[in-house]
């Protein structure tokens, strides 16, 4: 298994590079966006959603891992498939991330 590594926000690009490498190696998730763009404060929602959608694409390893995780979190086995609705559930997280980044940027100014 992998060692647990503490992720620091100052190493955003390096964190994204590592995560994308693992996603490619273990889940065959293509790198459709660069780590630099994904870590950018200017990341647009469509680009983020495009990359994240590969984790829930039907019949991919990421799909089954995500399905198992959702079932475990909800303590059910009744969920047997995922739809784009799950991918869209990432949207509030992306908006929150952008909000936090904008507040951090304001503090630096």
C-alpha atoms as a PDB file:
ATOM      1  CA  UNK A   1       0.000   0.000   0.000  1.00  0.00           C
ATOM      2  CA  UNK A   2       0.997   3.663  -0.106  1.00  0.00           C
ATOM      3  CA  UNK A   3       2.500   5.720   2.653  1.00  0.00           C
ATOM      4  CA  UNK A   4       0.197   8.422   3.909  1.00  0.00           C
ATOM      5  CA  UNK A   5       1.603  11.804   2.986  1.00  0.00           C
ATOM      6  CA  UNK A   6       0.482  15.112   4.451  1.00  0.00           C
ATOM      7  CA  UNK A   7      -0.602  17.387   1.623  1.00  0.00           C
ATOM      8  CA  UNK A   8       0.199  21.061   2.028  1.00  0.00           C
ATOM      9  CA  UNK A   9      -1.608  23.723   0.005  1.00  0.00           C
ATOM     10  CA  UNK A  10       1.709  25.396  -0.851  1.00  0.00           C
ATOM     11  CA  UNK A  11       2.571  22.268  -2.838  1.00  0.00           C
ATOM     12  CA  UNK A  12      -0.649  22.273  -4.891  1.00  0.00           C
ATOM     13  CA  UNK A  13       1.024  21.490  -8.220  1.00  0.00           C
ATOM     14  CA  UNK A  14       3.157  18.706  -6.761  1.00  0.00           C
ATOM     15  CA  UNK A  15       0.082  17.249  -5.001  1.00  0.00           C
ATOM     16  CA  UNK A  16      -1.853  17.288  -8.280  1.00  0.00           C
ATOM     17  CA  UNK A  17       1.049  15.690 -10.159  1.00  0.00           C
ATOM     18  CA  UNK A  18       1.213  12.856  -7.629  1.00  0.00           C
ATOM     19  CA  UNK A  19      -2.549  12.336  -7.613  1.00  0.00           C
ATOM     20  CA  UNK A  20      -2.761  12.348 -11.406  1.00  0.00           C
ATOM     21  CA  UNK A  21       0.102   9.885 -11.690  1.00  0.00           C
ATOM     22  CA  UNK A  22      -1.631   7.504  -9.256  1.00  0.00           C
ATOM     23  CA  UNK A  23      -4.950   7.945 -11.071  1.00  0.00           C
ATOM     24  CA  UNK A  24      -3.268   7.089 -14.384  1.00  0.00           C
ATOM     25  CA  UNK A  25      -1.340   4.101 -13.008  1.00  0.00           C
ATOM     26  CA  UNK A  26      -4.110   2.523 -10.944  1.00  0.00           C
ATOM     27  CA  UNK A  27      -7.365   3.690 -12.519  1.00  0.00           C
ATOM     28  CA  UNK A  28      -6.248   4.384 -16.102  1.00  0.00           C
ATOM     29  CA  UNK A  29      -7.579   7.947 -15.780  1.00  0.00           C
ATOM     30  CA  UNK A  30      -6.116  10.028 -18.617  1.00  0.00           C
ATOM     31  CA  UNK A  31      -4.439  13.326 -17.832  1.00  0.00           C
ATOM     32  CA  UNK A  32      -6.789  15.591 -19.768  1.00  0.00           C
ATOM     33  CA  UNK A  33      -5.635  18.679 -17.870  1.00  0.00           C
ATOM     34  CA  UNK A  34      -2.202  19.609 -16.613  1.00  0.00           C
ATOM     35  CA  UNK A  35      -1.445  19.529 -12.899  1.00  0.00           C
ATOM     36  CA  UNK A  36      -0.518  23.214 -13.138  1.00  0.00           C
ATOM     37  CA  UNK A  37      -3.925  24.094 -14.599  1.00  0.00           C
ATOM     38  CA  UNK A  38      -5.784  21.862 -12.130  1.00  0.00           C
ATOM     39  CA  UNK A  39      -3.983  23.525  -9.187  1.00  0.00           C
ATOM     40  CA  UNK A  40      -4.534  27.017 -10.564  1.00  0.00           C
ATOM     41  CA  UNK A  41      -6.766  29.561  -8.866  1.00  0.00           C
ATOM     42  CA  UNK A  42      -8.145  30.239 -12.352  1.00  0.00           C
ATOM     43  CA  UNK A  43      -9.371  26.644 -12.828  1.00  0.00           C
ATOM     44  CA  UNK A  44     -12.734  26.715 -14.569  1.00  0.00           C
ATOM     45  CA  UNK A  45     -15.522  24.399 -13.471  1.00  0.00           C
ATOM     46  CA  UNK A  46     -15.913  22.685 -16.847  1.00  0.00           C
ATOM     47  CA  UNK A  47     -12.254  21.671 -16.967  1.00  0.00           C
ATOM     48  CA  UNK A  48     -12.386  20.328 -13.422  1.00  0.00           C
ATOM     49  CA  UNK A  49     -15.629  18.448 -14.080  1.00  0.00           C
ATOM     50  CA  UNK A  50     -14.224  16.933 -17.268  1.00  0.00           C
ATOM     51  CA  UNK A  51     -11.258  15.446 -15.405  1.00  0.00           C
ATOM     52  CA  UNK A  52     -13.280  14.359 -12.372  1.00  0.00           C
ATOM     53  CA  UNK A  53     -15.898  12.693 -14.580  1.00  0.00           C
ATOM     54  CA  UNK A  54     -13.332  10.038 -15.549  1.00  0.00           C
ATOM     55  CA  UNK A  55     -13.481   8.727 -11.975  1.00  0.00           C
ATOM     56  CA  UNK A  56     -17.162   7.833 -12.369  1.00  0.00           C
ATOM     57  CA  UNK A  57     -17.176   6.798 -16.039  1.00  0.00           C
ATOM     58  CA  UNK A  58     -19.129   3.558 -16.339  1.00  0.00           C
ATOM     59  CA  UNK A  59     -17.089   0.357 -16.533  1.00  0.00           C
ATOM     60  CA  UNK A  60     -13.825   1.999 -15.477  1.00  0.00           C
ATOM     61  CA  UNK A  61     -11.915   0.947 -12.350  1.00  0.00           C
ATOM     62  CA  UNK A  62     -12.533   4.423 -10.913  1.00  0.00           C
ATOM     63  CA  UNK A  63     -16.248   3.851 -11.397  1.00  0.00           C
ATOM     64  CA  UNK A  64     -16.328   0.748  -9.206  1.00  0.00           C
ATOM     65  CA  UNK A  65     -14.068   2.271  -6.569  1.00  0.00           C
ATOM     66  CA  UNK A  66     -16.346   5.306  -6.395  1.00  0.00           C
ATOM     67  CA  UNK A  67     -19.478   3.141  -6.325  1.00  0.00           C
ATOM     68  CA  UNK A  68     -18.069   1.080  -3.454  1.00  0.00           C
ATOM     69  CA  UNK A  69     -17.091   4.220  -1.559  1.00  0.00           C
ATOM     70  CA  UNK A  70     -20.568   5.753  -1.984  1.00  0.00           C
ATOM     71  CA  UNK A  71     -22.232   2.550  -0.793  1.00  0.00           C
ATOM     72  CA  UNK A  72     -19.928   2.384   2.214  1.00  0.00           C
ATOM     73  CA  UNK A  73     -20.586   6.014   3.140  1.00  0.00           C
ATOM     74  CA  UNK A  74     -24.353   5.586   2.819  1.00  0.00           C
ATOM     75  CA  UNK A  75     -24.255   2.156   4.466  1.00  0.00           C
ATOM     76  CA  UNK A  76     -26.236   0.567   1.680  1.00  0.00           C
ATOM     77  CA  UNK A  77     -25.867  -1.894  -1.152  1.00  0.00           C
ATOM     78  CA  UNK A  78     -28.904  -0.510  -2.957  1.00  0.00           C
ATOM     79  CA  UNK A  79     -26.856   1.746  -5.223  1.00  0.00           C
ATOM     80  CA  UNK A  80     -25.863  -0.282  -8.254  1.00  0.00           C
ATOM     81  CA  UNK A  81     -24.851   2.418 -10.718  1.00  0.00           C
ATOM     82  CA  UNK A  82     -23.636   5.991 -10.830  1.00  0.00           C
ATOM     83  CA  UNK A  83     -24.856   8.769 -13.098  1.00  0.00           C
ATOM     84  CA  UNK A  84     -23.606  12.193 -14.004  1.00  0.00           C
ATOM     85  CA  UNK A  85     -25.418  13.413 -10.889  1.00  0.00           C
ATOM     86  CA  UNK A  86     -22.583  12.040  -8.764  1.00  0.00           C
ATOM     87  CA  UNK A  87     -20.035  13.895 -10.889  1.00  0.00           C
ATOM     88  CA  UNK A  88     -22.107  17.061 -10.575  1.00  0.00           C
ATOM     89  CA  UNK A  89     -22.016  16.698  -6.809  1.00  0.00           C
ATOM     90  CA  UNK A  90     -18.365  17.785  -7.042  1.00  0.00           C
ATOM     91  CA  UNK A  91     -19.523  21.205  -8.286  1.00  0.00           C
ATOM     92  CA  UNK A  92     -20.202  22.692  -4.809  1.00  0.00           C
ATOM     93  CA  UNK A  93     -16.748  21.492  -3.693  1.00  0.00           C
ATOM     94  CA  UNK A  94     -15.116  23.249  -6.624  1.00  0.00           C
ATOM     95  CA  UNK A  95     -17.056  26.446  -5.903  1.00  0.00           C
ATOM     96  CA  UNK A  96     -16.039  26.238  -2.236  1.00  0.00           C
ATOM     97  CA  UNK A  97     -12.397  25.669  -3.221  1.00  0.00           C
ATOM     98  CA  UNK A  98     -12.498  28.716  -5.506  1.00  0.00           C
ATOM     99  CA  UNK A  99     -14.091  30.791  -2.731  1.00  0.00           C
ATOM    100  CA  UNK A 100     -11.360  29.810  -0.242  1.00  0.00           C
ATOM    101  CA  UNK A 101      -8.627  30.519  -2.781  1.00  0.00           C
ATOM    102  CA  UNK A 102     -10.087  33.961  -3.503  1.00  0.00           C
ATOM    103  CA  UNK A 103     -10.186  34.764   0.242  1.00  0.00           C
ATOM    104  CA  UNK A 104      -6.555  33.653   0.607  1.00  0.00           C
ATOM    105  CA  UNK A 105      -5.587  35.818  -2.352  1.00  0.00           C
ATOM    106  CA  UNK A 106      -7.390  38.817  -0.803  1.00  0.00           C
ATOM    107  CA  UNK A 107      -5.494  38.353   2.471  1.00  0.00           C
ATOM    108  CA  UNK A 108      -2.173  38.399   0.619  1.00  0.00           C
ATOM    109  CA  UNK A 109      -3.050  41.692  -1.086  1.00  0.00           C
END
